[in-house]
C-alpha atoms as a PDB file:
ATOM      1  CA  UNK A   1      16.203   2.859  21.767  1.00  0.00           C
ATOM      2  CA  UNK A   2      16.407   6.289  20.259  1.00  0.00           C
ATOM      3  CA  UNK A   3      13.862   8.642  22.279  1.00  0.00           C
ATOM      4  CA  UNK A   4      14.663  12.241  20.452  1.00  0.00           C
ATOM      5  CA  UNK A   5      13.089   9.807  17.563  1.00  0.00           C
ATOM      6  CA  UNK A   6      10.104  11.614  15.865  1.00  0.00           C
ATOM      7  CA  UNK A   7       7.160   9.779  13.375  1.00  0.00           C
ATOM      8  CA  UNK A   8       4.230  10.380  11.590  1.00  0.00           C
ATOM      9  CA  UNK A   9       2.139   7.585  11.375  1.00  0.00           C
ATOM     10  CA  UNK A  10       0.073   8.161   7.537  1.00  0.00           C
ATOM     11  CA  UNK A  11      -3.416   6.729   7.071  1.00  0.00           C
ATOM     12  CA  UNK A  12      -6.069   6.827   4.132  1.00  0.00           C
ATOM     13  CA  UNK A  13      -9.788   6.259   4.713  1.00  0.00           C
ATOM     14  CA  UNK A  14     -12.629   6.630   2.865  1.00  0.00           C
ATOM     15  CA  UNK A  15     -16.219   5.364   4.768  1.00  0.00           C
ATOM     16  CA  UNK A  16     -14.842   2.949   7.077  1.00  0.00           C
ATOM     17  CA  UNK A  17     -15.140   4.835  10.218  1.00  0.00           C
ATOM     18  CA  UNK A  18     -15.723   2.080  12.702  1.00  0.00           C
ATOM     19  CA  UNK A  19     -11.675   0.467  11.638  1.00  0.00           C
ATOM     20  CA  UNK A  20     -10.577   4.350  11.738  1.00  0.00           C
ATOM     21  CA  UNK A  21     -10.932   5.021  14.764  1.00  0.00           C
ATOM     22  CA  UNK A  22      -9.355   1.029  15.862  1.00  0.00           C
ATOM     23  CA  UNK A  23      -6.883   2.340  13.894  1.00  0.00           C
ATOM     24  CA  UNK A  24      -6.284   6.167  15.626  1.00  0.00           C
ATOM     25  CA  UNK A  25      -6.243   5.218  19.104  1.00  0.00           C
ATOM     26  CA  UNK A  26      -3.360   1.903  18.040  1.00  0.00           C
ATOM     27  CA  UNK A  27      -1.767   5.324  16.953  1.00  0.00           C
ATOM     28  CA  UNK A  28      -2.436   7.568  19.903  1.00  0.00           C
ATOM     29  CA  UNK A  29      -1.993   4.612  22.410  1.00  0.00           C
ATOM     30  CA  UNK A  30       1.566   3.540  20.962  1.00  0.00           C
ATOM     31  CA  UNK A  31       3.929   2.989  24.028  1.00  0.00           C
ATOM     32  CA  UNK A  32       6.086   4.946  22.421  1.00  0.00           C
ATOM     33  CA  UNK A  33       4.229   7.861  21.762  1.00  0.00           C
ATOM     34  CA  UNK A  34       3.896   9.130  17.278  1.00  0.00           C
ATOM     35  CA  UNK A  35       4.500  12.203  16.643  1.00  0.00           C
ATOM     36  CA  UNK A  36       2.055  13.358  14.195  1.00  0.00           C
ATOM     37  CA  UNK A  37      -0.991  11.175  13.295  1.00  0.00           C
ATOM     38  CA  UNK A  38      -1.168  12.517   9.609  1.00  0.00           C
ATOM     39  CA  UNK A  39      -5.407  11.466   8.297  1.00  0.00           C
ATOM     40  CA  UNK A  40      -6.386  12.044   4.526  1.00  0.00           C
ATOM     41  CA  UNK A  41     -10.261  11.706   4.314  1.00  0.00           C
ATOM     42  CA  UNK A  42     -11.048  10.712   0.994  1.00  0.00           C
ATOM     43  CA  UNK A  43     -14.208  12.198   0.282  1.00  0.00           C
ATOM     44  CA  UNK A  44     -16.177   9.862   3.053  1.00  0.00           C
ATOM     45  CA  UNK A  45     -19.612  10.004   2.688  1.00  0.00           C
ATOM     46  CA  UNK A  46     -20.782   9.056   6.801  1.00  0.00           C
ATOM     47  CA  UNK A  47     -19.960  10.553   9.444  1.00  0.00           C
ATOM     48  CA  UNK A  48     -16.444  10.349   9.015  1.00  0.00           C
ATOM     49  CA  UNK A  49     -14.912  13.462   8.486  1.00  0.00           C
ATOM     50  CA  UNK A  50     -17.095  15.092  12.242  1.00  0.00           C
ATOM     51  CA  UNK A  51     -15.400  12.079  13.723  1.00  0.00           C
ATOM     52  CA  UNK A  52     -11.745  12.719  12.598  1.00  0.00           C
ATOM     53  CA  UNK A  53     -12.506  17.076  13.927  1.00  0.00           C
ATOM     54  CA  UNK A  54     -13.937  15.737  16.949  1.00  0.00           C
ATOM     55  CA  UNK A  55     -10.341  13.676  17.434  1.00  0.00           C
ATOM     56  CA  UNK A  56      -7.915  16.522  16.300  1.00  0.00           C
ATOM     57  CA  UNK A  57      -9.734  18.815  18.795  1.00  0.00           C
ATOM     58  CA  UNK A  58      -8.812  16.576  21.220  1.00  0.00           C
ATOM     59  CA  UNK A  59      -5.265  15.320  20.315  1.00  0.00           C
ATOM     60  CA  UNK A  60      -2.608  18.189  18.482  1.00  0.00           C
ATOM     61  CA  UNK A  61      -1.426  14.504  17.129  1.00  0.00           C
ATOM     62  CA  UNK A  62      -4.279  14.491  14.915  1.00  0.00           C
ATOM     63  CA  UNK A  63      -3.325  15.929  11.400  1.00  0.00           C
ATOM     64  CA  UNK A  64      -6.672  15.432   9.111  1.00  0.00           C
ATOM     65  CA  UNK A  65      -6.691  16.681   5.112  1.00  0.00           C
ATOM     66  CA  UNK A  66     -10.358  15.985   3.340  1.00  0.00           C
ATOM     67  CA  UNK A  67     -10.348  15.791  -0.137  1.00  0.00           C
ATOM     68  CA  UNK A  68     -13.758  16.893  -1.946  1.00  0.00           C
ATOM     69  CA  UNK A  69     -12.693  13.605  -4.915  1.00  0.00           C
ATOM     70  CA  UNK A  70     -11.855  10.501  -3.920  1.00  0.00           C
ATOM     71  CA  UNK A  71      -8.181   9.713  -4.417  1.00  0.00           C
ATOM     72  CA  UNK A  72      -8.641   7.147  -4.323  1.00  0.00           C
ATOM     73  CA  UNK A  73      -5.426   4.412  -1.862  1.00  0.00           C
ATOM     74  CA  UNK A  74      -2.227   6.198  -3.998  1.00  0.00           C
ATOM     75  CA  UNK A  75      -4.009   9.337  -3.696  1.00  0.00           C
ATOM     76  CA  UNK A  76      -4.692   9.319  -0.774  1.00  0.00           C
ATOM     77  CA  UNK A  77      -1.178   8.476  -0.046  1.00  0.00           C
ATOM     78  CA  UNK A  78       0.296  10.772  -2.425  1.00  0.00           C
ATOM     79  CA  UNK A  79      -1.046  13.964  -0.454  1.00  0.00           C
ATOM     80  CA  UNK A  80      -0.317  11.964   3.166  1.00  0.00           C
ATOM     81  CA  UNK A  81       2.786  12.147   2.549  1.00  0.00           C
ATOM     82  CA  UNK A  82       3.014  14.913   0.874  1.00  0.00           C
ATOM     83  CA  UNK A  83       2.001  16.620   4.057  1.00  0.00           C
ATOM     84  CA  UNK A  84       4.541  14.841   5.566  1.00  0.00           C
ATOM     85  CA  UNK A  85       7.309  16.342   4.389  1.00  0.00           C
ATOM     86  CA  UNK A  86       5.750  19.697   5.813  1.00  0.00           C
ATOM     87  CA  UNK A  87       6.789  18.742   9.109  1.00  0.00           C
ATOM     88  CA  UNK A  88      10.457  20.131   9.747  1.00  0.00           C
ATOM     89  CA  UNK A  89      10.457  17.045  12.957  1.00  0.00           C
ATOM     90  CA  UNK A  90       9.662  14.332  12.018  1.00  0.00           C
ATOM     91  CA  UNK A  91      11.989  11.602  10.746  1.00  0.00           C
ATOM     92  CA  UNK A  92      10.799   7.399   9.852  1.00  0.00           C
ATOM     93  CA  UNK A  93       7.537   7.609   8.061  1.00  0.00           C
ATOM     94  CA  UNK A  94       4.516   4.677   8.743  1.00  0.00           C
ATOM     95  CA  UNK A  95       2.174   3.539   6.362  1.00  0.00           C
ATOM     96  CA  UNK A  96      -1.307   2.202   7.049  1.00  0.00           C
ATOM     97  CA  UNK A  97      -4.425   2.554   5.942  1.00  0.00           C
ATOM     98  CA  UNK A  98      -7.829   2.745   8.211  1.00  0.00           C
ATOM     99  CA  UNK A  99      -8.085  -1.337   8.702  1.00  0.00           C
ATOM    100  CA  UNK A 100      -4.723  -0.951  10.594  1.00  0.00           C
ATOM    101  CA  UNK A 101      -4.253  -1.725  13.507  1.00  0.00           C
ATOM    102  CA  UNK A 102      -0.710  -1.698  15.567  1.00  0.00           C
ATOM    103  CA  UNK A 103       1.054  -3.266  18.075  1.00  0.00           C
ATOM    104  CA  UNK A 104       1.598  -1.463  20.987  1.00  0.00           C
ATOM    105  CA  UNK A 105       5.207  -1.993  20.733  1.00  0.00           C
ATOM    106  CA  UNK A 106       5.274  -1.414  16.699  1.00  0.00           C
ATOM    107  CA  UNK A 107       6.921   1.794  16.996  1.00  0.00           C
ATOM    108  CA  UNK A 108       9.881   1.421  20.102  1.00  0.00           C
ATOM    109  CA  UNK A 109      10.117  -2.098  18.501  1.00  0.00           C
ATOM    110  CA  UNK A 110      10.735  -0.358  15.268  1.00  0.00           C
ATOM    111  CA  UNK A 111      13.006   2.244  16.515  1.00  0.00           C
ATOM    112  CA  UNK A 112      15.184  -0.135  17.764  1.00  0.00           C
ATOM    113  CA  UNK A 113      15.680  -2.534  15.189  1.00  0.00           C
ATOM    114  CA  UNK A 114      16.611   0.999  12.758  1.00  0.00           C
ATOM    115  CA  UNK A 115      19.019   1.631  16.371  1.00  0.00           C
ATOM    116  CA  UNK A 116      20.712  -1.774  14.449  1.00  0.00           C
ATOM    117  CA  UNK A 117      20.884  -1.527  11.285  1.00  0.00           C
ATOM    118  CA  UNK A 118      21.629   2.801  10.894  1.00  0.00           C
ATOM    119  CA  UNK A 119      22.627   2.243   8.147  1.00  0.00           C
ATOM    120  CA  UNK A 120      19.272   0.977   6.561  1.00  0.00           C
ATOM    121  CA  UNK A 121      16.155   2.881   5.681  1.00  0.00           C
ATOM    122  CA  UNK A 122      13.141   1.308   5.102  1.00  0.00           C
ATOM    123  CA  UNK A 123      11.493  -1.370   7.308  1.00  0.00           C
ATOM    124  CA  UNK A 124       8.252  -3.172   7.394  1.00  0.00           C
ATOM    125  CA  UNK A 125       6.201  -4.675  10.005  1.00  0.00           C
ATOM    126  CA  UNK A 126       3.930  -8.157  10.593  1.00  0.00           C
ATOM    127  CA  UNK A 127       1.616  -8.711   9.507  1.00  0.00           C
ATOM    128  CA  UNK A 128      -1.220 -10.200  11.353  1.00  0.00           C
ATOM    129  CA  UNK A 129      -4.866 -11.389  10.018  1.00  0.00           C
ATOM    130  CA  UNK A 130      -7.288 -13.367  11.964  1.00  0.00           C
ATOM    131  CA  UNK A 131      -4.474 -14.689  14.247  1.00  0.00           C
ATOM    132  CA  UNK A 132      -2.348 -15.843  11.221  1.00  0.00           C
ATOM    133  CA  UNK A 133       0.533 -13.920   9.359  1.00  0.00           C
ATOM    134  CA  UNK A 134      -0.948 -13.010   5.755  1.00  0.00           C
ATOM    135  CA  UNK A 135       2.070 -13.844   3.900  1.00  0.00           C
ATOM    136  CA  UNK A 136       1.123 -11.999   1.040  1.00  0.00           C
ATOM    137  CA  UNK A 137       2.351  -8.817   2.056  1.00  0.00           C
ATOM    138  CA  UNK A 138       5.824  -9.253   1.911  1.00  0.00           C
ATOM    139  CA  UNK A 139       6.695 -10.209  -1.044  1.00  0.00           C
ATOM    140  CA  UNK A 140      10.692 -11.369  -2.588  1.00  0.00           C
ATOM    141  CA  UNK A 141      10.653 -10.759  -6.445  1.00  0.00           C
ATOM    142  CA  UNK A 142      11.944 -13.987  -8.518  1.00  0.00           C
ATOM    143  CA  UNK A 143      12.213 -12.719 -11.610  1.00  0.00           C
ATOM    144  CA  UNK A 144      12.095  -8.644 -12.197  1.00  0.00           C
ATOM    145  CA  UNK A 145      12.119  -8.989 -15.758  1.00  0.00           C
ATOM    146  CA  UNK A 146       8.849  -9.993 -15.719  1.00  0.00           C
ATOM    147  CA  UNK A 147       7.563  -9.102 -12.128  1.00  0.00           C
ATOM    148  CA  UNK A 148       7.045 -12.191 -10.726  1.00  0.00           C
ATOM    149  CA  UNK A 149       6.015 -12.362  -7.572  1.00  0.00           C
ATOM    150  CA  UNK A 150       6.287 -14.450  -4.466  1.00  0.00           C
ATOM    151  CA  UNK A 151       4.691 -14.471  -0.763  1.00  0.00           C
ATOM    152  CA  UNK A 152       7.960 -14.893   1.651  1.00  0.00           C
ATOM    153  CA  UNK A 153       7.368 -18.257   3.011  1.00  0.00           C
ATOM    154  CA  UNK A 154       6.682 -18.710   6.796  1.00  0.00           C
ATOM    155  CA  UNK A 155       9.882 -20.459   7.460  1.00  0.00           C
ATOM    156  CA  UNK A 156      11.170 -16.931   6.946  1.00  0.00           C
ATOM    157  CA  UNK A 157       8.758 -15.496   9.911  1.00  0.00           C
ATOM    158  CA  UNK A 158      11.252 -16.602  12.546  1.00  0.00           C
ATOM    159  CA  UNK A 159      13.628 -14.224  12.773  1.00  0.00           C
ATOM    160  CA  UNK A 160      14.444 -10.505  10.465  1.00  0.00           C
ATOM    161  CA  UNK A 161      15.074 -11.536   6.590  1.00  0.00           C
ATOM    162  CA  UNK A 162      14.545  -9.147   4.025  1.00  0.00           C
ATOM    163  CA  UNK A 163      11.495  -7.376   1.898  1.00  0.00           C
ATOM    164  CA  UNK A 164      11.589  -6.635  -2.043  1.00  0.00           C
ATOM    165  CA  UNK A 165       7.777  -5.694  -2.138  1.00  0.00           C
ATOM    166  CA  UNK A 166       5.397  -4.426   0.539  1.00  0.00           C
ATOM    167  CA  UNK A 167       1.991  -3.917   1.519  1.00  0.00           C
ATOM    168  CA  UNK A 168       1.324  -0.207   2.633  1.00  0.00           C
ATOM    169  CA  UNK A 169       0.399  -1.896   5.436  1.00  0.00           C
ATOM    170  CA  UNK A 170       3.299  -0.849   8.012  1.00  0.00           C
ATOM    171  CA  UNK A 171       5.969   0.162   6.129  1.00  0.00           C
ATOM    172  CA  UNK A 172       8.381   2.590   7.888  1.00  0.00           C
ATOM    173  CA  UNK A 173       9.838   5.218   6.073  1.00  0.00           C
ATOM    174  CA  UNK A 174      13.317   7.257   6.862  1.00  0.00           C
ATOM    175  CA  UNK A 175      12.177  10.296   5.651  1.00  0.00           C
ATOM    176  CA  UNK A 176      15.149  10.890   3.784  1.00  0.00           C
ATOM    177  CA  UNK A 177      14.460   8.056   1.781  1.00  0.00           C
ATOM    178  CA  UNK A 178      11.387   9.407  -0.014  1.00  0.00           C
ATOM    179  CA  UNK A 179      12.417  12.838  -0.336  1.00  0.00           C
ATOM    180  CA  UNK A 180      14.181  10.943  -2.940  1.00  0.00           C
ATOM    181  CA  UNK A 181      12.391   8.282  -4.435  1.00  0.00           C
ATOM    182  CA  UNK A 182       9.273  10.669  -4.683  1.00  0.00           C
ATOM    183  CA  UNK A 183       6.342  10.188  -3.810  1.00  0.00           C
ATOM    184  CA  UNK A 184       3.585   7.470  -4.748  1.00  0.00           C
ATOM    185  CA  UNK A 185       2.293   7.826  -8.027  1.00  0.00           C
ATOM    186  CA  UNK A 186      -1.412   8.867  -7.062  1.00  0.00           C
ATOM    187  CA  UNK A 187      -2.765   8.197 -11.132  1.00  0.00           C
ATOM    188  CA  UNK A 188      -3.153   4.810  -9.861  1.00  0.00           C
ATOM    189  CA  UNK A 189      -5.859   5.333  -8.430  1.00  0.00           C
ATOM    190  CA  UNK A 190      -5.639   1.806  -5.662  1.00  0.00           C
ATOM    191  CA  UNK A 191      -3.158  -0.890  -6.367  1.00  0.00           C
ATOM    192  CA  UNK A 192      -0.272  -1.832  -7.183  1.00  0.00           C
ATOM    193  CA  UNK A 193       0.450   1.858  -6.429  1.00  0.00           C
ATOM    194  CA  UNK A 194       2.113  -0.193  -3.134  1.00  0.00           C
ATOM    195  CA  UNK A 195       4.757  -2.536  -5.707  1.00  0.00           C
ATOM    196  CA  UNK A 196       5.204   0.445  -7.476  1.00  0.00           C
ATOM    197  CA  UNK A 197       7.006   2.362  -4.304  1.00  0.00           C
ATOM    198  CA  UNK A 198       9.212  -0.750  -3.133  1.00  0.00           C
ATOM    199  CA  UNK A 199      10.729  -0.818  -6.232  1.00  0.00           C
ATOM    200  CA  UNK A 200      11.423   2.177  -5.690  1.00  0.00           C
ATOM    201  CA  UNK A 201      12.304   1.875  -2.009  1.00  0.00           C
ATOM    202  CA  UNK A 202      14.823  -0.804  -3.141  1.00  0.00           C
ATOM    203  CA  UNK A 203      16.449   1.277  -5.618  1.00  0.00           C
ATOM    204  CA  UNK A 204      17.501   3.778  -2.369  1.00  0.00           C
ATOM    205  CA  UNK A 205      17.990   1.397  -0.160  1.00  0.00           C
ATOM    206  CA  UNK A 206      17.628  -2.889   1.689  1.00  0.00           C
ATOM    207  CA  UNK A 207      13.721  -3.845   3.167  1.00  0.00           C
ATOM    208  CA  UNK A 208      14.327  -6.329   6.421  1.00  0.00           C
ATOM    209  CA  UNK A 209      11.361  -7.280   8.041  1.00  0.00           C
ATOM    210  CA  UNK A 210      10.652  -6.889  11.863  1.00  0.00           C
ATOM    211  CA  UNK A 211       9.240  -9.757  13.210  1.00  0.00           C
ATOM    212  CA  UNK A 212       8.373  -8.225  16.266  1.00  0.00           C
ATOM    213  CA  UNK A 213       6.643  -5.851  14.994  1.00  0.00           C
ATOM    214  CA  UNK A 214       3.316  -6.089  14.811  1.00  0.00           C
ATOM    215  CA  UNK A 215       0.856  -5.036  12.871  1.00  0.00           C
ATOM    216  CA  UNK A 216      -2.854  -6.061  12.345  1.00  0.00           C
ATOM    217  CA  UNK A 217      -5.415  -5.999   9.425  1.00  0.00           C
ATOM    218  CA  UNK A 218      -9.024  -6.231   9.874  1.00  0.00           C
ATOM    219  CA  UNK A 219      -9.815  -7.070   6.556  1.00  0.00           C
ATOM    220  CA  UNK A 220      -8.248  -9.615   3.845  1.00  0.00           C
ATOM    221  CA  UNK A 221      -8.261  -7.216   0.598  1.00  0.00           C
ATOM    222  CA  UNK A 222      -4.764  -6.995  -0.434  1.00  0.00           C
ATOM    223  CA  UNK A 223      -4.004  -4.277  -3.063  1.00  0.00           C
ATOM    224  CA  UNK A 224      -2.190  -7.406  -5.449  1.00  0.00           C
ATOM    225  CA  UNK A 225      -5.159  -6.860  -7.568  1.00  0.00           C
ATOM    226  CA  UNK A 226      -3.960  -8.734 -10.396  1.00  0.00           C
ATOM    227  CA  UNK A 227      -3.031 -11.634  -8.580  1.00  0.00           C
ATOM    228  CA  UNK A 228      -6.273 -13.226  -6.929  1.00  0.00           C
ATOM    229  CA  UNK A 229      -7.191 -17.024  -9.347  1.00  0.00           C
ATOM    230  CA  UNK A 230      -9.966 -18.157  -6.947  1.00  0.00           C
ATOM    231  CA  UNK A 231     -12.750 -15.031  -7.526  1.00  0.00           C
ATOM    232  CA  UNK A 232     -14.282 -13.178  -9.973  1.00  0.00           C
ATOM    233  CA  UNK A 233     -13.429 -10.458 -11.546  1.00  0.00           C
ATOM    234  CA  UNK A 234     -14.369  -6.843 -10.470  1.00  0.00           C
ATOM    235  CA  UNK A 235     -13.944  -3.249 -11.148  1.00  0.00           C
ATOM    236  CA  UNK A 236     -10.687  -2.800  -8.926  1.00  0.00           C
ATOM    237  CA  UNK A 237      -9.387  -4.779 -11.382  1.00  0.00           C
ATOM    238  CA  UNK A 238      -8.665  -3.231 -14.059  1.00  0.00           C
ATOM    239  CA  UNK A 239      -7.096  -1.062 -11.854  1.00  0.00           C
ATOM    240  CA  UNK A 240      -4.572  -4.161 -11.050  1.00  0.00           C
ATOM    241  CA  UNK A 241      -4.016  -5.057 -15.055  1.00  0.00           C
ATOM    242  CA  UNK A 242      -2.939  -1.629 -16.553  1.00  0.00           C
ATOM    243  CA  UNK A 243      -1.020  -0.207 -13.013  1.00  0.00           C
ATOM    244  CA  UNK A 244       0.661  -4.098 -12.823  1.00  0.00           C
ATOM    245  CA  UNK A 245       1.492  -3.237 -16.820  1.00  0.00           C
ATOM    246  CA  UNK A 246       2.603   0.775 -16.457  1.00  0.00           C
ATOM    247  CA  UNK A 247       4.951  -0.785 -13.252  1.00  0.00           C
ATOM    248  CA  UNK A 248       6.427  -2.910 -15.434  1.00  0.00           C
ATOM    249  CA  UNK A 249       7.223  -0.447 -18.051  1.00  0.00           C
ATOM    250  CA  UNK A 250       8.734   1.823 -15.246  1.00  0.00           C
ATOM    251  CA  UNK A 251      10.848  -0.737 -13.868  1.00  0.00           C
ATOM    252  CA  UNK A 252      11.293  -3.748 -15.898  1.00  0.00           C
ATOM    253  CA  UNK A 253      14.544  -2.945 -18.013  1.00  0.00           C
ATOM    254  CA  UNK A 254      14.488  -5.674 -20.683  1.00  0.00           C
ATOM    255  CA  UNK A 255      12.441  -4.295 -23.095  1.00  0.00           C
ATOM    256  CA  UNK A 256      12.298  -7.660 -25.272  1.00  0.00           C
ATOM    257  CA  UNK A 257      11.905  -9.591 -22.329  1.00  0.00           C
ATOM    258  CA  UNK A 258       8.850  -7.132 -21.907  1.00  0.00           C
ATOM    259  CA  UNK A 259       7.918  -6.175 -24.519  1.00  0.00           C
ATOM    260  CA  UNK A 260       6.612 -10.203 -25.093  1.00  0.00           C
ATOM    261  CA  UNK A 261       6.247 -10.551 -21.335  1.00  0.00           C
ATOM    262  CA  UNK A 262       3.001  -7.747 -22.193  1.00  0.00           C
ATOM    263  CA  UNK A 263       1.473  -9.420 -24.940  1.00  0.00           C
ATOM    264  CA  UNK A 264       2.004 -12.615 -22.984  1.00  0.00           C
ATOM    265  CA  UNK A 265       0.178 -11.454 -19.784  1.00  0.00           C
ATOM    266  CA  UNK A 266      -2.995  -9.344 -22.211  1.00  0.00           C
ATOM    267  CA  UNK A 267      -3.635 -13.298 -23.626  1.00  0.00           C
ATOM    268  CA  UNK A 268      -3.054 -14.850 -20.054  1.00  0.00           C
ATOM    269  CA  UNK A 269      -5.200 -12.053 -17.916  1.00  0.00           C
ATOM    270  CA  UNK A 270      -8.475 -11.597 -20.912  1.00  0.00           C
ATOM    271  CA  UNK A 271      -8.346 -15.672 -21.376  1.00  0.00           C
ATOM    272  CA  UNK A 272      -8.966 -16.151 -17.595  1.00  0.00           C
ATOM    273  CA  UNK A 273     -11.027 -13.546 -16.494  1.00  0.00           C
ATOM    274  CA  UNK A 274     -14.004 -15.298 -19.769  1.00  0.00           C
ATOM    275  CA  UNK A 275     -13.025 -18.679 -17.737  1.00  0.00           C
ATOM    276  CA  UNK A 276     -13.602 -17.306 -14.153  1.00  0.00           C
ATOM    277  CA  UNK A 277     -16.051 -17.216 -12.654  1.00  0.00           C
ATOM    278  CA  UNK A 278     -19.241 -14.802 -13.026  1.00  0.00           C
ATOM    279  CA  UNK A 279     -19.527 -11.802 -10.007  1.00  0.00           C
ATOM    280  CA  UNK A 280     -20.109  -7.852 -10.959  1.00  0.00           C
ATOM    281  CA  UNK A 281     -19.326  -9.093 -14.831  1.00  0.00           C
ATOM    282  CA  UNK A 282     -20.412 -11.475 -17.842  1.00  0.00           C
ATOM    283  CA  UNK A 283     -17.584 -13.265 -19.172  1.00  0.00           C
ATOM    284  CA  UNK A 284     -17.189 -11.453 -21.763  1.00  0.00           C
ATOM    285  CA  UNK A 285     -17.563  -8.230 -19.532  1.00  0.00           C
ATOM    286  CA  UNK A 286     -14.781  -9.477 -17.434  1.00  0.00           C
ATOM    287  CA  UNK A 287     -12.950 -10.050 -20.568  1.00  0.00           C
ATOM    288  CA  UNK A 288     -13.276  -5.786 -22.048  1.00  0.00           C
ATOM    289  CA  UNK A 289     -12.838  -4.644 -18.541  1.00  0.00           C
ATOM    290  CA  UNK A 290      -8.993  -6.684 -19.610  1.00  0.00           C
ATOM    291  CA  UNK A 291      -9.435  -5.369 -22.128  1.00  0.00           C
ATOM    292  CA  UNK A 292      -9.930  -1.891 -22.147  1.00  0.00           C
ATOM    293  CA  UNK A 293      -7.072  -1.944 -19.083  1.00  0.00           C
ATOM    294  CA  UNK A 294      -4.595  -3.061 -22.520  1.00  0.00           C
ATOM    295  CA  UNK A 295      -5.732  -0.398 -23.883  1.00  0.00           C
ATOM    296  CA  UNK A 296      -5.636   2.225 -21.467  1.00  0.00           C
ATOM    297  CA  UNK A 297      -1.912   1.392 -20.532  1.00  0.00           C
ATOM    298  CA  UNK A 298      -1.111   1.451 -23.510  1.00  0.00           C
ATOM    299  CA  UNK A 299      -2.568   5.489 -24.391  1.00  0.00           C
ATOM    300  CA  UNK A 300      -1.065   6.481 -21.176  1.00  0.00           C
ATOM    301  CA  UNK A 301      -4.559   6.694 -19.472  1.00  0.00           C
ATOM    302  CA  UNK A 302      -4.452   6.783 -16.451  1.00  0.00           C
ATOM    303  CA  UNK A 303      -5.913   7.894 -12.909  1.00  0.00           C
ATOM    304  CA  UNK A 304      -9.702   6.944 -12.013  1.00  0.00           C
ATOM    305  CA  UNK A 305     -11.807   5.514 -15.001  1.00  0.00           C
ATOM    306  CA  UNK A 306     -15.653   6.253 -14.104  1.00  0.00           C
ATOM    307  CA  UNK A 307     -16.621   3.505 -16.190  1.00  0.00           C
ATOM    308  CA  UNK A 308     -14.823   1.429 -13.052  1.00  0.00           C
ATOM    309  CA  UNK A 309     -16.085   2.347  -9.832  1.00  0.00           C
ATOM    310  CA  UNK A 310     -17.700   0.496  -6.728  1.00  0.00           C
ATOM    311  CA  UNK A 311     -20.951  -0.679  -7.868  1.00  0.00           C
END
C-alpha cells in the first residue's frame, strides 16, 4: 500500500449527533489514517455543533464548517468538497453521510485497490445495512436515454465489479477527477445529487466497487427519491421527482426520447401518487406535489422549496 497516499473524508450532518459521533470515530480509528475529516454542519438545532467544536479541539484532523442555513445534503456536499479543493496535500476524497460508519480497514483497502488500478479515479465501498449488503447503493444503467436504472445483483459481490451509479455512501474519488467534473449540484437540495454526480464521474473515469472495503449504513433511507413504490408520498419526493427530471435534462442526449419520457413520467408518477396509500399527504395533495415538481422543473426553479420541508 502507498503509505504516502493522503485522504480527506467529508461528512454532511444535520441533527444526528449520535450517528455522527460513530461516523467520525470510525474515521479517526482507520488503520491507514486520514489526513483530514471535513464536516459540514447543516444548521443543526441540537448539540451537534458544540460536539463538533469539542471534537475538533481534541483532533487536529477535523475541520468543521457551520452553515447558517440548511443547505440539504446536496448543498452540504457541495460545500464540503469545495473545502477539500483548498487542501493542497490531499490526493483522494472519501464521501459519506453522517449515518455511515467505516470499517477500520476501509481506507487501507481503497489505497490497495487504487494502486492496482492506477488509471481509475473512483472507487466505491460495499455498503452493509442490518448485516446484509445494501444493493440499492450500487446501481447500473439499463437505458441512459430514459435514465432507467437497476440494482446490481448480489451475485456480482463475489468480487470487485464496475458501477455506473453510486449513492454518497463511501465514494472514494481522486482529487484530480473532482477538479475536472466540478462540485455536486447544490440546488438539488436533497436526493438525486449523487446520481447526477455519478453520471459526471463516469464520463471521466470508470468506477469500481471494492468488495473488501466495507461501510456500514445506519439507515435504510436511500437517495433514490423517485424509486419508492411501497411507501406513501412524503415531502422528499418533491425533490426526487424534480431532480430526476433535471438529471435527465442534463445527461440524456436523445432529445426526442427525452421529451416523450418526461411527459410519460409526469403522468405515471401523478397516477402513482394518487393510487398510493395515504401518508403525509392526501391522494390529491400527493398528485399536486408531483405536478408542482414537474412545473418547477420546467420553469428551472431549483433549490429549496419552502412548501416541501420536514413536517
